[in-house]
Amino acid sequence: MTNVNPESPLDLDTMERDLADVEFALGRLDNGTYWNDEITGEPIEPGHLAAHPTARRNP
């Protein structure tokens, strides 16, 4: 868990990008393409998805 410092401003741009990535990943789950590299169509390595659930490409 990340510690929040109430004295430092929130990085809303990063939060919006993260939310957009999650929403895109959910859309990929809905249409059945979540497990595949969006460029090559090859399966994304399971370990990579486990570490980066919003990944769209193989490393």
C-alpha atoms as a PDB file:
ATOM      1  CA  MET A   1       0.000   0.000   0.000  1.00  0.00           C
ATOM      2  CA  THR A   2       1.263   3.455  -0.865  1.00  0.00           C
ATOM      3  CA  ASN A   3       1.591   5.979   1.912  1.00  0.00           C
ATOM      4  CA  VAL A   4      -0.306   9.188   1.291  1.00  0.00           C
ATOM      5  CA  ASN A   5       1.189  12.437   2.444  1.00  0.00           C
ATOM      6  CA  PRO A   6      -1.673  14.889   3.109  1.00  0.00           C
ATOM      7  CA  GLU A   7       0.746  17.758   2.555  1.00  0.00           C
ATOM      8  CA  SER A   8       1.640  16.820  -1.026  1.00  0.00           C
ATOM      9  CA  PRO A   9      -0.776  17.400  -3.902  1.00  0.00           C
ATOM     10  CA  LEU A  10      -2.451  14.466  -5.626  1.00  0.00           C
ATOM     11  CA  ASP A  11      -1.200  13.609  -9.086  1.00  0.00           C
ATOM     12  CA  LEU A  12      -4.588  13.612 -10.808  1.00  0.00           C
ATOM     13  CA  ASP A  13      -3.127  13.148 -14.285  1.00  0.00           C
ATOM     14  CA  THR A  14      -1.499   9.875 -13.243  1.00  0.00           C
ATOM     15  CA  MET A  15      -4.666   8.756 -11.486  1.00  0.00           C
ATOM     16  CA  GLU A  16      -6.725   9.475 -14.625  1.00  0.00           C
ATOM     17  CA  ARG A  17      -4.252   7.528 -16.803  1.00  0.00           C
ATOM     18  CA  ASP A  18      -4.356   4.595 -14.389  1.00  0.00           C
ATOM     19  CA  LEU A  19      -8.157   4.610 -14.401  1.00  0.00           C
ATOM     20  CA  ALA A  20      -8.222   4.760 -18.198  1.00  0.00           C
ATOM     21  CA  ASP A  21      -5.830   1.780 -18.337  1.00  0.00           C
ATOM     22  CA  VAL A  22      -8.081  -0.218 -15.999  1.00  0.00           C
ATOM     23  CA  GLU A  23     -11.197   0.661 -18.001  1.00  0.00           C
ATOM     24  CA  PHE A  24      -9.439  -0.355 -21.229  1.00  0.00           C
ATOM     25  CA  ALA A  25      -8.354  -3.660 -19.650  1.00  0.00           C
ATOM     26  CA  LEU A  26     -11.935  -4.326 -18.544  1.00  0.00           C
ATOM     27  CA  GLY A  27     -13.116  -3.697 -22.108  1.00  0.00           C
ATOM     28  CA  ARG A  28     -10.516  -6.167 -23.366  1.00  0.00           C
ATOM     29  CA  LEU A  29     -11.830  -8.728 -20.859  1.00  0.00           C
ATOM     30  CA  ASP A  30     -15.366  -8.158 -22.135  1.00  0.00           C
ATOM     31  CA  ASN A  31     -14.394  -8.642 -25.781  1.00  0.00           C
ATOM     32  CA  GLY A  32     -12.058 -11.588 -25.121  1.00  0.00           C
ATOM     33  CA  THR A  33      -8.776  -9.937 -26.134  1.00  0.00           C
ATOM     34  CA  TYR A  34      -7.321  -9.289 -22.665  1.00  0.00           C
ATOM     35  CA  TRP A  35      -4.897 -12.215 -22.833  1.00  0.00           C
ATOM     36  CA  ASN A  36      -3.411 -11.263 -26.230  1.00  0.00           C
ATOM     37  CA  ASP A  37      -0.796  -8.721 -27.304  1.00  0.00           C
ATOM     38  CA  GLU A  38      -2.769  -5.962 -29.023  1.00  0.00           C
ATOM     39  CA  ILE A  39      -0.250  -5.683 -31.885  1.00  0.00           C
ATOM     40  CA  THR A  40       0.899  -9.244 -32.562  1.00  0.00           C
ATOM     41  CA  GLY A  41      -2.134 -11.155 -31.287  1.00  0.00           C
ATOM     42  CA  GLU A  42       0.203 -13.545 -29.464  1.00  0.00           C
ATOM     43  CA  PRO A  43      -0.652 -14.492 -25.864  1.00  0.00           C
ATOM     44  CA  ILE A  44       0.740 -12.113 -23.253  1.00  0.00           C
ATOM     45  CA  GLU A  45       3.086 -13.897 -20.850  1.00  0.00           C
ATOM     46  CA  PRO A  46       1.080 -14.832 -17.724  1.00  0.00           C
ATOM     47  CA  GLY A  47       3.815 -13.572 -15.397  1.00  0.00           C
ATOM     48  CA  HIS A  48       3.802 -10.220 -17.156  1.00  0.00           C
ATOM     49  CA  LEU A  49       0.025  -9.912 -16.774  1.00  0.00           C
ATOM     50  CA  ALA A  50       0.271 -10.948 -13.124  1.00  0.00           C
ATOM     51  CA  ALA A  51       2.775  -8.153 -12.490  1.00  0.00           C
ATOM     52  CA  HIS A  52       1.074  -5.632 -14.809  1.00  0.00           C
ATOM     53  CA  PRO A  53      -2.663  -6.408 -15.088  1.00  0.00           C
ATOM     54  CA  THR A  54      -3.270  -3.526 -17.497  1.00  0.00           C
ATOM     55  CA  ALA A  55      -0.508  -4.610 -19.899  1.00  0.00           C
ATOM     56  CA  ARG A  56      -1.482  -4.498 -23.546  1.00  0.00           C
ATOM     57  CA  ARG A  57       1.764  -5.896 -24.964  1.00  0.00           C
ATOM     58  CA  ASN A  58       4.393  -8.500 -24.153  1.00  0.00           C
ATOM     59  CA  PRO A  59       7.566  -7.082 -22.649  1.00  0.00           C
END
